[in-house]
Amino acid sequence: AYQEGIMSGDKIIQVDSTSTIGMNQRDSAELIRG
């Protein structure tokens, strides 16, 4: 993430094809990990 230029304050609105709006932090983190 650091090397590709993601910055503090960036809002993650979607992971792959799944919207994260309204999703809790734990479930969102599980989408990002793999």
Full PDB file with SEQRES, HELIX, SHEET, SSBOND, CRYST1, ORIGX, SCALE, CONECT and MASTER records, all heavy atoms in Angstrom:
SEQRES   1 A   34  ALA TYR GLN GLU GLY ILE MET SER GLY ASP LYS ILE ILE          
SEQRES   2 A   34  GLN VAL ASP SER THR SER THR ILE GLY MET ASN GLN ARG          
SEQRES   3 A   34  ASP SER ALA GLU LEU ILE ARG GLY                              
HELIX    1 AA1 GLN A   25  ILE A   32  1                                   8    
SHEET    1 AA1 2 GLN A  14  VAL A  15  0                                        
SHEET    2 AA1 2 THR A  18  SER A  19 -1                                        
CRYST1    1.000    1.000    1.000  90.00  90.00  90.00 P 1           1          
ORIGX1      1.000000  0.000000  0.000000        0.00000                         
ORIGX2      0.000000  1.000000  0.000000        0.00000                         
ORIGX3      0.000000  0.000000  1.000000        0.00000                         
SCALE1      1.000000  0.000000  0.000000        0.00000                         
SCALE2      0.000000  1.000000  0.000000        0.00000                         
SCALE3      0.000000  0.000000  1.000000        0.00000                         
ATOM      1  N   ALA A   1       0.829  -1.205   0.000  1.00  0.00           N  
ATOM      2  CA  ALA A   1       0.000   0.000   0.000  1.00  0.00           C  
ATOM      3  C   ALA A   1       0.864   1.255   0.000  1.00  0.00           C  
ATOM      4  O   ALA A   1       0.578   2.228  -0.706  1.00  0.00           O  
ATOM      5  CB  ALA A   1      -0.923  -0.007   1.221  1.00  0.00           C  
ATOM      6  N   TYR A   2       1.920   1.250   0.795  1.00  0.00           N  
ATOM      7  CA  TYR A   2       2.835   2.398   0.885  1.00  0.00           C  
ATOM      8  C   TYR A   2       3.525   2.630  -0.458  1.00  0.00           C  
ATOM      9  O   TYR A   2       3.618   3.758  -0.950  1.00  0.00           O  
ATOM     10  CB  TYR A   2       3.858   2.126   1.986  1.00  0.00           C  
ATOM     11  CG  TYR A   2       4.845   3.238   2.241  1.00  0.00           C  
ATOM     12  CD1 TYR A   2       4.565   4.245   3.161  1.00  0.00           C  
ATOM     13  CD2 TYR A   2       6.063   3.269   1.577  1.00  0.00           C  
ATOM     14  CE1 TYR A   2       5.478   5.253   3.412  1.00  0.00           C  
ATOM     15  CE2 TYR A   2       6.978   4.280   1.811  1.00  0.00           C  
ATOM     16  CZ  TYR A   2       6.686   5.272   2.730  1.00  0.00           C  
ATOM     17  OH  TYR A   2       7.592   6.277   2.964  1.00  0.00           O  
ATOM     18  N   GLN A   3       4.015   1.553  -1.065  1.00  0.00           N  
ATOM     19  CA  GLN A   3       4.760   1.667  -2.322  1.00  0.00           C  
ATOM     20  C   GLN A   3       3.877   2.126  -3.484  1.00  0.00           C  
ATOM     21  O   GLN A   3       4.351   2.805  -4.397  1.00  0.00           O  
ATOM     22  CB  GLN A   3       5.415   0.328  -2.644  1.00  0.00           C  
ATOM     23  CG  GLN A   3       6.530  -0.025  -1.666  1.00  0.00           C  
ATOM     24  CD  GLN A   3       7.014  -1.461  -1.810  1.00  0.00           C  
ATOM     25  OE1 GLN A   3       6.366  -2.280  -2.461  1.00  0.00           O  
ATOM     26  NE2 GLN A   3       8.143  -1.763  -1.192  1.00  0.00           N  
ATOM     27  N   GLU A   4       2.584   1.790  -3.447  1.00  0.00           N  
ATOM     28  CA  GLU A   4       1.684   2.174  -4.529  1.00  0.00           C  
ATOM     29  C   GLU A   4       1.086   3.564  -4.338  1.00  0.00           C  
ATOM     30  O   GLU A   4       0.396   4.074  -5.213  1.00  0.00           O  
ATOM     31  CB  GLU A   4       0.564   1.144  -4.680  1.00  0.00           C  
ATOM     32  CG  GLU A   4       1.042  -0.208  -5.203  1.00  0.00           C  
ATOM     33  CD  GLU A   4       1.623  -0.115  -6.606  1.00  0.00           C  
ATOM     34  OE1 GLU A   4       1.102   0.667  -7.417  1.00  0.00           O  
ATOM     35  OE2 GLU A   4       2.604  -0.823  -6.871  1.00  0.00           O  
ATOM     36  N   GLY A   5       1.314   4.164  -3.165  1.00  0.00           N  
ATOM     37  CA  GLY A   5       0.887   5.553  -2.978  1.00  0.00           C  
ATOM     38  C   GLY A   5      -0.397   5.764  -2.206  1.00  0.00           C  
ATOM     39  O   GLY A   5      -0.958   6.866  -2.218  1.00  0.00           O  
ATOM     40  N   ILE A   6      -0.891   4.747  -1.504  1.00  0.00           N  
ATOM     41  CA  ILE A   6      -2.058   4.947  -0.641  1.00  0.00           C  
ATOM     42  C   ILE A   6      -1.638   5.825   0.541  1.00  0.00           C  
ATOM     43  O   ILE A   6      -0.557   5.667   1.106  1.00  0.00           O  
ATOM     44  CB  ILE A   6      -2.621   3.593  -0.174  1.00  0.00           C  
ATOM     45  CG1 ILE A   6      -3.303   2.906  -1.357  1.00  0.00           C  
ATOM     46  CG2 ILE A   6      -3.597   3.760   0.974  1.00  0.00           C  
ATOM     47  CD1 ILE A   6      -3.932   1.578  -1.044  1.00  0.00           C  
ATOM     48  N   MET A   7      -2.509   6.764   0.912  1.00  0.00           N  
ATOM     49  CA  MET A   7      -2.159   7.784   1.900  1.00  0.00           C  
ATOM     50  C   MET A   7      -3.092   7.749   3.103  1.00  0.00           C  
ATOM     51  O   MET A   7      -4.227   7.272   3.017  1.00  0.00           O  
ATOM     52  CB  MET A   7      -2.210   9.174   1.245  1.00  0.00           C  
ATOM     53  CG  MET A   7      -1.284   9.329   0.059  1.00  0.00           C  
ATOM     54  SD  MET A   7      -1.587  10.859  -0.880  1.00  0.00           S  
ATOM     55  CE  MET A   7      -1.246  12.085   0.383  1.00  0.00           C  
ATOM     56  N   SER A   8      -2.599   8.285   4.218  1.00  0.00           N  
ATOM     57  CA  SER A   8      -3.449   8.454   5.403  1.00  0.00           C  
ATOM     58  C   SER A   8      -4.639   9.335   5.044  1.00  0.00           C  
ATOM     59  O   SER A   8      -4.489  10.352   4.356  1.00  0.00           O  
ATOM     60  CB  SER A   8      -2.654   9.112   6.531  1.00  0.00           C  
ATOM     61  OG  SER A   8      -1.571   8.303   6.922  1.00  0.00           O  
ATOM     62  N   GLY A   9      -5.820   8.964   5.513  1.00  0.00           N  
ATOM     63  CA  GLY A   9      -7.026   9.726   5.221  1.00  0.00           C  
ATOM     64  C   GLY A   9      -7.803   9.240   4.027  1.00  0.00           C  
ATOM     65  O   GLY A   9      -8.976   9.609   3.843  1.00  0.00           O  
ATOM     66  N   ASP A  10      -7.177   8.400   3.180  1.00  0.00           N  
ATOM     67  CA  ASP A  10      -7.899   7.837   2.038  1.00  0.00           C  
ATOM     68  C   ASP A  10      -9.098   7.022   2.531  1.00  0.00           C  
ATOM     69  O   ASP A  10      -8.988   6.260   3.499  1.00  0.00           O  
ATOM     70  CB  ASP A  10      -6.981   6.923   1.216  1.00  0.00           C  
ATOM     71  CG  ASP A  10      -6.027   7.703   0.327  1.00  0.00           C  
ATOM     72  OD1 ASP A  10      -6.201   8.927   0.196  1.00  0.00           O  
ATOM     73  OD2 ASP A  10      -5.105   7.075  -0.235  1.00  0.00           O  
ATOM     74  N   LYS A  11     -10.228   7.167   1.857  1.00  0.00           N  
ATOM     75  CA  LYS A  11     -11.427   6.409   2.204  1.00  0.00           C  
ATOM     76  C   LYS A  11     -11.528   5.194   1.271  1.00  0.00           C  
ATOM     77  O   LYS A  11     -11.498   5.347   0.050  1.00  0.00           O  
ATOM     78  CB  LYS A  11     -12.678   7.270   2.067  1.00  0.00           C  
ATOM     79  CG  LYS A  11     -12.709   8.438   3.052  1.00  0.00           C  
ATOM     80  CD  LYS A  11     -13.991   9.249   2.879  1.00  0.00           C  
ATOM     81  CE  LYS A  11     -14.061  10.383   3.889  1.00  0.00           C  
ATOM     82  NZ  LYS A  11     -15.319  11.177   3.738  1.00  0.00           N  
ATOM     83  N   ILE A  12     -11.644   4.015   1.853  1.00  0.00           N  
ATOM     84  CA  ILE A  12     -11.787   2.796   1.061  1.00  0.00           C  
ATOM     85  C   ILE A  12     -13.284   2.556   0.860  1.00  0.00           C  
ATOM     86  O   ILE A  12     -13.989   2.170   1.793  1.00  0.00           O  
ATOM     87  CB  ILE A  12     -11.135   1.594   1.756  1.00  0.00           C  
ATOM     88  CG1 ILE A  12      -9.652   1.885   2.048  1.00  0.00           C  
ATOM     89  CG2 ILE A  12     -11.266   0.341   0.902  1.00  0.00           C  
ATOM     90  CD1 ILE A  12      -8.961   0.818   2.867  1.00  0.00           C  
ATOM     91  N   ILE A  13     -13.763   2.804  -0.333  1.00  0.00           N  
ATOM     92  CA  ILE A  13     -15.211   2.703  -0.575  1.00  0.00           C  
ATOM     93  C   ILE A  13     -15.609   1.365  -1.207  1.00  0.00           C  
ATOM     94  O   ILE A  13     -16.780   1.011  -1.213  1.00  0.00           O  
ATOM     95  CB  ILE A  13     -15.700   3.870  -1.458  1.00  0.00           C  
ATOM     96  CG1 ILE A  13     -14.922   3.931  -2.771  1.00  0.00           C  
ATOM     97  CG2 ILE A  13     -15.579   5.188  -0.703  1.00  0.00           C  
ATOM     98  CD1 ILE A  13     -15.400   5.014  -3.719  1.00  0.00           C  
ATOM     99  N   GLN A  14     -14.607   0.633  -1.707  1.00  0.00           N  
ATOM    100  CA  GLN A  14     -14.921  -0.648  -2.324  1.00  0.00           C  
ATOM    101  C   GLN A  14     -13.674  -1.531  -2.320  1.00  0.00           C  
ATOM    102  O   GLN A  14     -12.559  -1.051  -2.509  1.00  0.00           O  
ATOM    103  CB  GLN A  14     -15.393  -0.429  -3.770  1.00  0.00           C  
ATOM    104  CG  GLN A  14     -15.888  -1.670  -4.484  1.00  0.00           C  
ATOM    105  CD  GLN A  14     -16.458  -1.329  -5.860  1.00  0.00           C  
ATOM    106  OE1 GLN A  14     -17.238  -0.379  -5.996  1.00  0.00           O  
ATOM    107  NE2 GLN A  14     -16.070  -2.076  -6.876  1.00  0.00           N  
ATOM    108  N   VAL A  15     -13.858  -2.818  -2.057  1.00  0.00           N  
ATOM    109  CA  VAL A  15     -12.781  -3.806  -2.149  1.00  0.00           C  
ATOM    110  C   VAL A  15     -13.183  -4.812  -3.215  1.00  0.00           C  
ATOM    111  O   VAL A  15     -14.212  -5.488  -3.089  1.00  0.00           O  
ATOM    112  CB  VAL A  15     -12.551  -4.521  -0.799  1.00  0.00           C  
ATOM    113  CG1 VAL A  15     -11.452  -5.577  -0.939  1.00  0.00           C  
ATOM    114  CG2 VAL A  15     -12.188  -3.521   0.294  1.00  0.00           C  
ATOM    115  N   ASP A  16     -12.404  -4.873  -4.283  1.00  0.00           N  
ATOM    116  CA  ASP A  16     -12.787  -5.651  -5.469  1.00  0.00           C  
ATOM    117  C   ASP A  16     -14.174  -5.183  -5.915  1.00  0.00           C  
ATOM    118  O   ASP A  16     -14.339  -4.011  -6.203  1.00  0.00           O  
ATOM    119  CB  ASP A  16     -12.722  -7.150  -5.184  1.00  0.00           C  
ATOM    120  CG  ASP A  16     -11.280  -7.645  -5.011  1.00  0.00           C  
ATOM    121  OD1 ASP A  16     -10.379  -7.070  -5.639  1.00  0.00           O  
ATOM    122  OD2 ASP A  16     -11.067  -8.595  -4.233  1.00  0.00           O  
ATOM    123  N   SER A  17     -15.168  -6.034  -5.914  1.00  0.00           N  
ATOM    124  CA  SER A  17     -16.501  -5.620  -6.366  1.00  0.00           C  
ATOM    125  C   SER A  17     -17.465  -5.381  -5.211  1.00  0.00           C  
ATOM    126  O   SER A  17     -18.652  -5.145  -5.425  1.00  0.00           O  
ATOM    127  CB  SER A  17     -17.093  -6.692  -7.292  1.00  0.00           C  
ATOM    128  OG  SER A  17     -17.206  -7.926  -6.603  1.00  0.00           O  
ATOM    129  N   THR A  18     -16.956  -5.381  -3.976  1.00  0.00           N  
ATOM    130  CA  THR A  18     -17.814  -5.273  -2.795  1.00  0.00           C  
ATOM    131  C   THR A  18     -17.703  -3.893  -2.158  1.00  0.00           C  
ATOM    132  O   THR A  18     -16.606  -3.455  -1.798  1.00  0.00           O  
ATOM    133  CB  THR A  18     -17.438  -6.342  -1.739  1.00  0.00           C  
ATOM    134  OG1 THR A  18     -17.506  -7.636  -2.341  1.00  0.00           O  
ATOM    135  CG2 THR A  18     -18.370  -6.286  -0.540  1.00  0.00           C  
ATOM    136  N   SER A  19     -18.826  -3.219  -2.003  1.00  0.00           N  
ATOM    137  CA  SER A  19     -18.839  -1.915  -1.343  1.00  0.00           C  
ATOM    138  C   SER A  19     -18.594  -2.096   0.153  1.00  0.00           C  
ATOM    139  O   SER A  19     -19.120  -3.023   0.783  1.00  0.00           O  
ATOM    140  CB  SER A  19     -20.185  -1.224  -1.566  1.00  0.00           C  
ATOM    141  OG  SER A  19     -20.285  -0.057  -0.765  1.00  0.00           O  
ATOM    142  N   THR A  20     -17.806  -1.205   0.733  1.00  0.00           N  
ATOM    143  CA  THR A  20     -17.542  -1.263   2.170  1.00  0.00           C  
ATOM    144  C   THR A  20     -18.412  -0.283   2.956  1.00  0.00           C  
ATOM    145  O   THR A  20     -18.321  -0.235   4.185  1.00  0.00           O  
ATOM    146  CB  THR A  20     -16.061  -0.932   2.454  1.00  0.00           C  
ATOM    147  OG1 THR A  20     -15.784   0.404   1.995  1.00  0.00           O  
ATOM    148  CG2 THR A  20     -15.127  -1.916   1.766  1.00  0.00           C  
ATOM    149  N   ILE A  21     -19.231   0.499   2.282  1.00  0.00           N  
ATOM    150  CA  ILE A  21     -20.070   1.484   2.958  1.00  0.00           C  
ATOM    151  C   ILE A  21     -21.063   0.759   3.874  1.00  0.00           C  
ATOM    152  O   ILE A  21     -21.832  -0.092   3.428  1.00  0.00           O  
ATOM    153  CB  ILE A  21     -20.820   2.378   1.957  1.00  0.00           C  
ATOM    154  CG1 ILE A  21     -19.824   3.075   1.017  1.00  0.00           C  
ATOM    155  CG2 ILE A  21     -21.665   3.406   2.693  1.00  0.00           C  
ATOM    156  CD1 ILE A  21     -18.806   3.945   1.699  1.00  0.00           C  
ATOM    157  N   GLY A  22     -21.020   1.093   5.148  1.00  0.00           N  
ATOM    158  CA  GLY A  22     -21.899   0.465   6.117  1.00  0.00           C  
ATOM    159  C   GLY A  22     -21.373  -0.840   6.674  1.00  0.00           C  
ATOM    160  O   GLY A  22     -21.938  -1.391   7.611  1.00  0.00           O  
ATOM    161  N   MET A  23     -20.288  -1.369   6.107  1.00  0.00           N  
ATOM    162  CA  MET A  23     -19.705  -2.612   6.592  1.00  0.00           C  
ATOM    163  C   MET A  23     -18.835  -2.317   7.813  1.00  0.00           C  
ATOM    164  O   MET A  23     -18.199  -1.260   7.895  1.00  0.00           O  
ATOM    165  CB  MET A  23     -18.859  -3.245   5.481  1.00  0.00           C  
ATOM    166  CG  MET A  23     -18.327  -4.642   5.810  1.00  0.00           C  
ATOM    167  SD  MET A  23     -17.355  -5.333   4.426  1.00  0.00           S  
ATOM    168  CE  MET A  23     -18.637  -5.564   3.203  1.00  0.00           C  
ATOM    169  N   ASN A  24     -18.803  -3.230   8.782  1.00  0.00           N  
ATOM    170  CA  ASN A  24     -17.968  -2.974   9.960  1.00  0.00           C  
ATOM    171  C   ASN A  24     -16.496  -3.212   9.640  1.00  0.00           C  
ATOM    172  O   ASN A  24     -16.135  -3.794   8.609  1.00  0.00           O  
ATOM    173  CB  ASN A  24     -18.433  -3.813  11.163  1.00  0.00           C  
ATOM    174  CG  ASN A  24     -18.270  -5.310  10.945  1.00  0.00           C  
ATOM    175  OD1 ASN A  24     -17.253  -5.781  10.457  1.00  0.00           O  
ATOM    176  ND2 ASN A  24     -19.281  -6.072  11.326  1.00  0.00           N  
ATOM    177  N   GLN A  25     -15.648  -2.755  10.547  1.00  0.00           N  
ATOM    178  CA  GLN A  25     -14.208  -2.773  10.309  1.00  0.00           C  
ATOM    179  C   GLN A  25     -13.666  -4.192  10.176  1.00  0.00           C  
ATOM    180  O   GLN A  25     -12.821  -4.470   9.326  1.00  0.00           O  
ATOM    181  CB  GLN A  25     -13.491  -2.039  11.451  1.00  0.00           C  
ATOM    182  CG  GLN A  25     -11.985  -1.912  11.254  1.00  0.00           C  
ATOM    183  CD  GLN A  25     -11.355  -1.041  12.315  1.00  0.00           C  
ATOM    184  OE1 GLN A  25     -11.971  -0.101  12.804  1.00  0.00           O  
ATOM    185  NE2 GLN A  25     -10.124  -1.348  12.696  1.00  0.00           N  
ATOM    186  N   ARG A  26     -14.162  -5.103  11.004  1.00  0.00           N  
ATOM    187  CA  ARG A  26     -13.656  -6.482  10.960  1.00  0.00           C  
ATOM    188  C   ARG A  26     -13.953  -7.131   9.618  1.00  0.00           C  
ATOM    189  O   ARG A  26     -13.075  -7.756   9.010  1.00  0.00           O  
ATOM    190  CB  ARG A  26     -14.273  -7.300  12.088  1.00  0.00           C  
ATOM    191  CG  ARG A  26     -13.805  -8.766  12.072  1.00  0.00           C  
ATOM    192  CD  ARG A  26     -14.588  -9.618  13.049  1.00  0.00           C  
ATOM    193  NE  ARG A  26     -14.406  -9.198  14.408  1.00  0.00           N  
ATOM    194  CZ  ARG A  26     -14.958  -9.808  15.452  1.00  0.00           C  
ATOM    195  NH1 ARG A  26     -15.746 -10.855  15.260  1.00  0.00           N  
ATOM    196  NH2 ARG A  26     -14.749  -9.376  16.682  1.00  0.00           N  
ATOM    197  N   ASP A  27     -15.183  -6.993   9.139  1.00  0.00           N  
ATOM    198  CA  ASP A  27     -15.557  -7.617   7.871  1.00  0.00           C  
ATOM    199  C   ASP A  27     -14.796  -6.990   6.705  1.00  0.00           C  
ATOM    200  O   ASP A  27     -14.409  -7.688   5.757  1.00  0.00           O  
ATOM    201  CB  ASP A  27     -17.068  -7.490   7.643  1.00  0.00           C  
ATOM    202  CG  ASP A  27     -17.876  -8.347   8.603  1.00  0.00           C  
ATOM    203  OD1 ASP A  27     -17.297  -9.263   9.215  1.00  0.00           O  
ATOM    204  OD2 ASP A  27     -19.091  -8.082   8.763  1.00  0.00           O  
ATOM    205  N   SER A  28     -14.587  -5.684   6.775  1.00  0.00           N  
ATOM    206  CA  SER A  28     -13.822  -5.011   5.718  1.00  0.00           C  
ATOM    207  C   SER A  28     -12.383  -5.513   5.690  1.00  0.00           C  
ATOM    208  O   SER A  28     -11.814  -5.754   4.625  1.00  0.00           O  
ATOM    209  CB  SER A  28     -13.836  -3.497   5.947  1.00  0.00           C  
ATOM    210  OG  SER A  28     -15.149  -2.980   5.886  1.00  0.00           O  
ATOM    211  N   ALA A  29     -11.791  -5.677   6.871  1.00  0.00           N  
ATOM    212  CA  ALA A  29     -10.412  -6.159   6.949  1.00  0.00           C  
ATOM    213  C   ALA A  29     -10.295  -7.567   6.381  1.00  0.00           C  
ATOM    214  O   ALA A  29      -9.303  -7.901   5.711  1.00  0.00           O  
ATOM    215  CB  ALA A  29      -9.931  -6.125   8.399  1.00  0.00           C  
ATOM    216  N   GLU A  30     -11.303  -8.396   6.625  1.00  0.00           N  
ATOM    217  CA  GLU A  30     -11.281  -9.764   6.092  1.00  0.00           C  
ATOM    218  C   GLU A  30     -11.325  -9.759   4.566  1.00  0.00           C  
ATOM    219  O   GLU A  30     -10.747 -10.635   3.921  1.00  0.00           O  
ATOM    220  CB  GLU A  30     -12.459 -10.565   6.649  1.00  0.00           C  
ATOM    221  CG  GLU A  30     -12.333 -10.913   8.124  1.00  0.00           C  
ATOM    222  CD  GLU A  30     -11.085 -11.722   8.435  1.00  0.00           C  
ATOM    223  OE1 GLU A  30     -10.771 -12.653   7.664  1.00  0.00           O  
ATOM    224  OE2 GLU A  30     -10.404 -11.416   9.424  1.00  0.00           O  
ATOM    225  N   LEU A  31     -12.015  -8.778   3.975  1.00  0.00           N  
ATOM    226  CA  LEU A  31     -12.047  -8.670   2.515  1.00  0.00           C  
ATOM    227  C   LEU A  31     -10.670  -8.321   1.956  1.00  0.00           C  
ATOM    228  O   LEU A  31     -10.270  -8.820   0.902  1.00  0.00           O  
ATOM    229  CB  LEU A  31     -13.036  -7.580   2.079  1.00  0.00           C  
ATOM    230  CG  LEU A  31     -14.528  -7.891   2.109  1.00  0.00           C  
ATOM    231  CD1 LEU A  31     -15.306  -6.649   1.696  1.00  0.00           C  
ATOM    232  CD2 LEU A  31     -14.860  -9.052   1.176  1.00  0.00           C  
ATOM    233  N   ILE A  32      -9.969  -7.463   2.676  1.00  0.00           N  
ATOM    234  CA  ILE A  32      -8.666  -6.991   2.184  1.00  0.00           C  
ATOM    235  C   ILE A  32      -7.605  -8.072   2.321  1.00  0.00           C  
ATOM    236  O   ILE A  32      -6.750  -8.239   1.457  1.00  0.00           O  
ATOM    237  CB  ILE A  32      -8.251  -5.710   2.927  1.00  0.00           C  
ATOM    238  CG1 ILE A  32      -9.250  -4.587   2.620  1.00  0.00           C  
ATOM    239  CG2 ILE A  32      -6.839  -5.279   2.540  1.00  0.00           C  
ATOM    240  CD1 ILE A  32      -9.076  -3.353   3.475  1.00  0.00           C  
ATOM    241  N   ARG A  33      -7.654  -8.823   3.418  1.00  0.00           N  
ATOM    242  CA  ARG A  33      -6.687  -9.903   3.599  1.00  0.00           C  
ATOM    243  C   ARG A  33      -7.020 -11.062   2.675  1.00  0.00           C  
ATOM    244  O   ARG A  33      -8.136 -11.223   2.207  1.00  0.00           O  
ATOM    245  CB  ARG A  33      -6.710 -10.402   5.047  1.00  0.00           C  
ATOM    246  CG  ARG A  33      -6.263  -9.362   6.047  1.00  0.00           C  
ATOM    247  CD  ARG A  33      -6.046 -10.015   7.399  1.00  0.00           C  
ATOM    248  NE  ARG A  33      -5.840  -8.995   8.417  1.00  0.00           N  
ATOM    249  CZ  ARG A  33      -6.711  -8.701   9.368  1.00  0.00           C  
ATOM    250  NH1 ARG A  33      -7.851  -9.355   9.458  1.00  0.00           N  
ATOM    251  NH2 ARG A  33      -6.454  -7.760  10.252  1.00  0.00           N  
ATOM    252  N   GLY A  34      -6.025 -11.888   2.442  1.00  0.00           N  
ATOM    253  CA  GLY A  34      -6.254 -13.061   1.602  1.00  0.00           C  
ATOM    254  C   GLY A  34      -4.977 -13.838   1.409  1.00  0.00           C  
ATOM    255  O   GLY A  34      -3.968 -13.595   2.079  1.00  0.00           O  
TER     256      GLY A  34                                                      
MASTER        0    0    0    1    2    0    0    6  255    1    0    3          
END                                                                             
